[in-house]
N, C-alpha and C. Protein backbone atom coordinates (compact mmCIF):
# COMPACT_ATOMS: atom_id res chain seq x y z
N MET A 1 0.84 -1.17 0.00
CA MET A 1 0.00 0.00 0.00
C MET A 1 0.89 1.25 0.00
N GLY A 2 0.52 2.26 -0.77
CA GLY A 2 1.30 3.49 -0.85
C GLY A 2 0.97 4.44 0.28
N SER A 3 1.75 5.49 0.36
CA SER A 3 1.51 6.52 1.36
C SER A 3 1.76 7.88 0.73
N VAL A 4 1.21 8.91 1.33
CA VAL A 4 1.38 10.28 0.84
C VAL A 4 2.57 10.90 1.56
N ALA A 5 3.59 11.27 0.79
CA ALA A 5 4.79 11.87 1.38
C ALA A 5 4.64 13.38 1.52
N ALA A 6 3.88 14.02 0.61
CA ALA A 6 3.71 15.47 0.65
C ALA A 6 2.46 15.86 -0.12
N LEU A 7 1.86 16.98 0.26
CA LEU A 7 0.70 17.54 -0.44
C LEU A 7 1.06 18.94 -0.92
N TYR A 8 0.71 19.24 -2.15
CA TYR A 8 0.91 20.57 -2.71
C TYR A 8 -0.36 21.00 -3.42
N ARG A 9 -0.65 22.28 -3.36
CA ARG A 9 -1.71 22.84 -4.19
C ARG A 9 -1.14 24.06 -4.89
N TYR A 10 -1.82 24.47 -5.93
CA TYR A 10 -1.34 25.53 -6.80
C TYR A 10 -2.45 26.58 -6.96
N PRO A 11 -2.56 27.52 -6.00
CA PRO A 11 -3.63 28.51 -6.06
C PRO A 11 -3.60 29.34 -7.36
N VAL A 12 -2.41 29.69 -7.84
CA VAL A 12 -2.29 30.43 -9.10
C VAL A 12 -1.76 29.47 -10.15
N LYS A 13 -2.54 29.25 -11.18
CA LYS A 13 -2.19 28.30 -12.25
C LYS A 13 -0.78 28.57 -12.77
N SER A 14 0.00 27.53 -12.90
CA SER A 14 1.35 27.53 -13.50
C SER A 14 2.43 28.19 -12.65
N MET A 15 2.14 28.56 -11.39
CA MET A 15 3.18 29.03 -10.48
C MET A 15 3.58 27.86 -9.59
N LEU A 16 4.70 28.01 -8.88
CA LEU A 16 5.13 26.95 -7.97
C LEU A 16 4.03 26.63 -6.97
N GLY A 17 3.97 25.40 -6.55
CA GLY A 17 2.97 24.98 -5.58
C GLY A 17 3.35 25.39 -4.17
N GLU A 18 2.38 25.26 -3.28
CA GLU A 18 2.63 25.51 -1.87
C GLU A 18 2.36 24.22 -1.11
N ALA A 19 3.26 23.89 -0.20
CA ALA A 19 3.09 22.69 0.61
C ALA A 19 1.97 22.92 1.61
N VAL A 20 1.13 21.93 1.77
CA VAL A 20 0.06 22.00 2.77
C VAL A 20 0.09 20.73 3.60
N SER A 21 -0.25 20.86 4.87
CA SER A 21 -0.25 19.67 5.73
C SER A 21 -1.57 18.93 5.65
N ALA A 22 -2.62 19.63 5.24
CA ALA A 22 -3.94 19.03 5.05
C ALA A 22 -4.69 19.89 4.04
N VAL A 23 -5.64 19.28 3.35
CA VAL A 23 -6.42 20.04 2.38
C VAL A 23 -7.79 19.37 2.21
N ALA A 24 -8.81 20.21 2.05
CA ALA A 24 -10.14 19.68 1.78
C ALA A 24 -10.22 19.26 0.32
N VAL A 25 -10.83 18.11 0.08
CA VAL A 25 -10.99 17.62 -1.28
C VAL A 25 -12.46 17.70 -1.65
N THR A 26 -12.75 18.36 -2.75
CA THR A 26 -14.12 18.48 -3.25
C THR A 26 -14.27 17.64 -4.51
N GLU A 27 -15.44 17.67 -5.10
CA GLU A 27 -15.65 16.94 -6.35
C GLU A 27 -14.80 17.50 -7.48
N ARG A 28 -14.25 18.71 -7.33
CA ARG A 28 -13.42 19.34 -8.35
C ARG A 28 -11.93 19.28 -8.01
N GLY A 29 -11.57 18.63 -6.92
CA GLY A 29 -10.16 18.52 -6.53
C GLY A 29 -9.89 19.22 -5.22
N PHE A 30 -8.63 19.62 -5.01
CA PHE A 30 -8.25 20.29 -3.77
C PHE A 30 -8.90 21.67 -3.70
N ARG A 31 -9.50 21.97 -2.56
CA ARG A 31 -10.06 23.31 -2.36
C ARG A 31 -8.92 24.33 -2.39
N GLY A 32 -9.11 25.38 -3.16
CA GLY A 32 -8.10 26.43 -3.27
C GLY A 32 -7.06 26.19 -4.35
N ASP A 33 -7.19 25.10 -5.10
CA ASP A 33 -6.22 24.78 -6.16
C ASP A 33 -6.64 25.44 -7.47
N ARG A 34 -5.72 26.19 -8.06
CA ARG A 34 -5.92 26.85 -9.36
C ARG A 34 -7.18 27.73 -9.39
N THR A 35 -7.34 28.51 -8.35
CA THR A 35 -8.48 29.43 -8.28
C THR A 35 -8.17 30.77 -8.94
N HIS A 36 -6.90 31.02 -9.25
CA HIS A 36 -6.47 32.26 -9.89
C HIS A 36 -5.55 31.94 -11.06
N ALA A 37 -5.42 32.90 -11.96
CA ALA A 37 -4.53 32.74 -13.11
C ALA A 37 -3.94 34.08 -13.47
N VAL A 38 -2.82 34.06 -14.16
CA VAL A 38 -2.19 35.27 -14.69
C VAL A 38 -2.66 35.42 -16.13
N LEU A 39 -3.09 36.63 -16.49
CA LEU A 39 -3.53 36.90 -17.85
C LEU A 39 -2.53 37.82 -18.54
N ASP A 40 -2.36 37.63 -19.85
CA ASP A 40 -1.52 38.57 -20.59
C ASP A 40 -2.39 39.74 -21.03
N GLY A 41 -1.84 40.64 -21.81
CA GLY A 41 -2.55 41.85 -22.22
C GLY A 41 -3.78 41.59 -23.07
N THR A 42 -3.89 40.40 -23.66
CA THR A 42 -5.05 40.07 -24.48
C THR A 42 -6.12 39.33 -23.70
N GLY A 43 -5.83 38.99 -22.44
CA GLY A 43 -6.76 38.23 -21.63
C GLY A 43 -6.53 36.74 -21.68
N ALA A 44 -5.49 36.30 -22.42
CA ALA A 44 -5.18 34.87 -22.48
C ALA A 44 -4.53 34.43 -21.17
N VAL A 45 -4.83 33.22 -20.74
CA VAL A 45 -4.30 32.68 -19.49
C VAL A 45 -2.88 32.19 -19.70
N ALA A 46 -1.97 32.59 -18.80
CA ALA A 46 -0.58 32.10 -18.83
C ALA A 46 -0.59 30.61 -18.53
N SER A 47 0.27 29.86 -19.22
CA SER A 47 0.24 28.42 -19.05
C SER A 47 1.64 27.82 -19.13
N ALA A 48 1.87 26.79 -18.33
CA ALA A 48 3.13 26.04 -18.38
C ALA A 48 3.28 25.32 -19.71
N LYS A 49 2.22 25.23 -20.47
CA LYS A 49 2.29 24.59 -21.79
C LYS A 49 3.07 25.42 -22.79
N HIS A 50 3.38 26.67 -22.43
CA HIS A 50 4.14 27.57 -23.29
C HIS A 50 5.37 28.09 -22.54
N PRO A 51 6.36 27.22 -22.27
CA PRO A 51 7.50 27.62 -21.42
C PRO A 51 8.36 28.73 -22.02
N ARG A 52 8.43 28.87 -23.32
CA ARG A 52 9.23 29.98 -23.89
C ARG A 52 8.65 31.32 -23.48
N LYS A 53 7.35 31.42 -23.48
CA LYS A 53 6.68 32.67 -23.13
C LYS A 53 6.56 32.85 -21.62
N TRP A 54 6.29 31.77 -20.90
CA TRP A 54 5.95 31.86 -19.48
C TRP A 54 6.92 31.13 -18.56
N GLY A 55 8.12 30.82 -19.02
CA GLY A 55 9.07 30.06 -18.21
C GLY A 55 9.36 30.68 -16.85
N ALA A 56 9.48 32.00 -16.80
CA ALA A 56 9.78 32.66 -15.52
C ALA A 56 8.63 32.49 -14.53
N LEU A 57 7.41 32.46 -15.03
CA LEU A 57 6.25 32.29 -14.16
C LEU A 57 6.32 30.96 -13.41
N LEU A 58 6.86 29.95 -14.07
CA LEU A 58 6.92 28.62 -13.48
C LEU A 58 7.85 28.55 -12.27
N ARG A 59 8.71 29.54 -12.12
CA ARG A 59 9.67 29.55 -11.00
C ARG A 59 9.26 30.49 -9.87
N LEU A 60 8.16 31.20 -10.04
CA LEU A 60 7.72 32.15 -9.01
C LEU A 60 6.95 31.43 -7.91
N PRO A 61 7.20 31.82 -6.66
CA PRO A 61 6.44 31.23 -5.55
C PRO A 61 5.02 31.80 -5.53
N GLN A 62 4.14 31.11 -4.87
CA GLN A 62 2.78 31.60 -4.70
C GLN A 62 2.81 32.87 -3.86
N PRO A 63 1.91 33.82 -4.13
CA PRO A 63 1.82 35.00 -3.28
C PRO A 63 1.42 34.61 -1.86
N VAL A 64 1.87 35.37 -0.89
CA VAL A 64 1.49 35.12 0.50
C VAL A 64 0.13 35.75 0.71
N GLY A 65 -0.79 35.01 1.30
CA GLY A 65 -2.14 35.52 1.49
C GLY A 65 -2.93 35.43 0.20
N ARG A 66 -3.93 36.23 0.08
CA ARG A 66 -4.80 36.21 -1.11
C ARG A 66 -4.13 36.91 -2.28
N PRO A 67 -4.10 36.29 -3.48
CA PRO A 67 -3.50 36.95 -4.64
C PRO A 67 -4.23 38.24 -4.98
N ARG A 68 -3.47 39.23 -5.46
CA ARG A 68 -4.06 40.49 -5.89
C ARG A 68 -4.87 40.26 -7.15
N GLN A 69 -5.93 41.01 -7.28
CA GLN A 69 -6.77 40.90 -8.47
C GLN A 69 -6.87 42.24 -9.14
N ARG A 70 -6.89 42.24 -10.48
CA ARG A 70 -7.10 43.48 -11.22
C ARG A 70 -8.55 43.88 -11.05
N THR A 71 -8.77 45.14 -10.83
CA THR A 71 -10.14 45.59 -10.66
C THR A 71 -10.57 46.49 -11.82
N ASP A 72 -9.68 46.75 -12.77
CA ASP A 72 -10.03 47.63 -13.88
C ASP A 72 -10.68 46.89 -15.04
N ARG A 73 -10.79 45.55 -14.95
CA ARG A 73 -11.41 44.76 -16.00
C ARG A 73 -12.29 43.70 -15.36
N PRO A 74 -13.44 43.40 -15.96
CA PRO A 74 -14.28 42.33 -15.40
C PRO A 74 -13.61 40.98 -15.57
N ALA A 75 -14.08 40.01 -14.84
CA ALA A 75 -13.53 38.65 -14.94
C ALA A 75 -13.65 38.14 -16.36
N ARG A 76 -12.74 37.28 -16.77
CA ARG A 76 -12.71 36.78 -18.14
C ARG A 76 -14.05 36.19 -18.57
N ARG A 77 -14.69 35.42 -17.72
CA ARG A 77 -15.96 34.82 -18.12
C ARG A 77 -17.00 35.88 -18.42
N ASP A 78 -16.94 37.02 -17.73
CA ASP A 78 -17.89 38.09 -17.98
C ASP A 78 -17.57 38.82 -19.29
N ARG A 79 -16.30 38.98 -19.60
CA ARG A 79 -15.90 39.71 -20.81
C ARG A 79 -16.23 38.92 -22.06
N THR A 80 -16.23 37.59 -21.98
CA THR A 80 -16.37 36.79 -23.19
C THR A 80 -17.77 36.20 -23.35
N ALA A 81 -18.61 36.32 -22.37
CA ALA A 81 -19.94 35.72 -22.44
C ALA A 81 -20.71 36.29 -23.62
N GLY A 82 -21.20 35.40 -24.48
CA GLY A 82 -22.03 35.82 -25.59
C GLY A 82 -21.28 36.41 -26.76
N ARG A 83 -19.95 36.40 -26.73
CA ARG A 83 -19.14 36.95 -27.81
C ARG A 83 -18.30 35.86 -28.43
N GLY A 84 -17.86 36.10 -29.63
CA GLY A 84 -16.94 35.18 -30.30
C GLY A 84 -15.55 35.34 -29.75
N PRO A 85 -14.57 34.56 -30.26
CA PRO A 85 -13.19 34.61 -29.74
C PRO A 85 -12.52 35.94 -29.91
C-alpha cells in the first residue's frame, strides 16, 4: 500500500505549488487549487504549456495571502460571455 509523502496545491495556475499539511478535497479537486490565473494583455491565461513565453512564471512562488486581483477589467468569463473569440 502506498503513502502520501507530501501535499501541494497551486492557487495560481502555473506558479510553484505551496506545501500544505492538510487540504479539503471536493468533487473538483483540492479546495483552493488553481483558483487564480495570470492573464496577458489580451486576456489569455498564462500556461506552463508555453514555457518559452511563461518560463519565468513557473519559477515564481505563490503570493502570500490572497493573490491580488485586477479591478479595472471584469472577470474573463464576464468579458467573453455571448461573444466570439
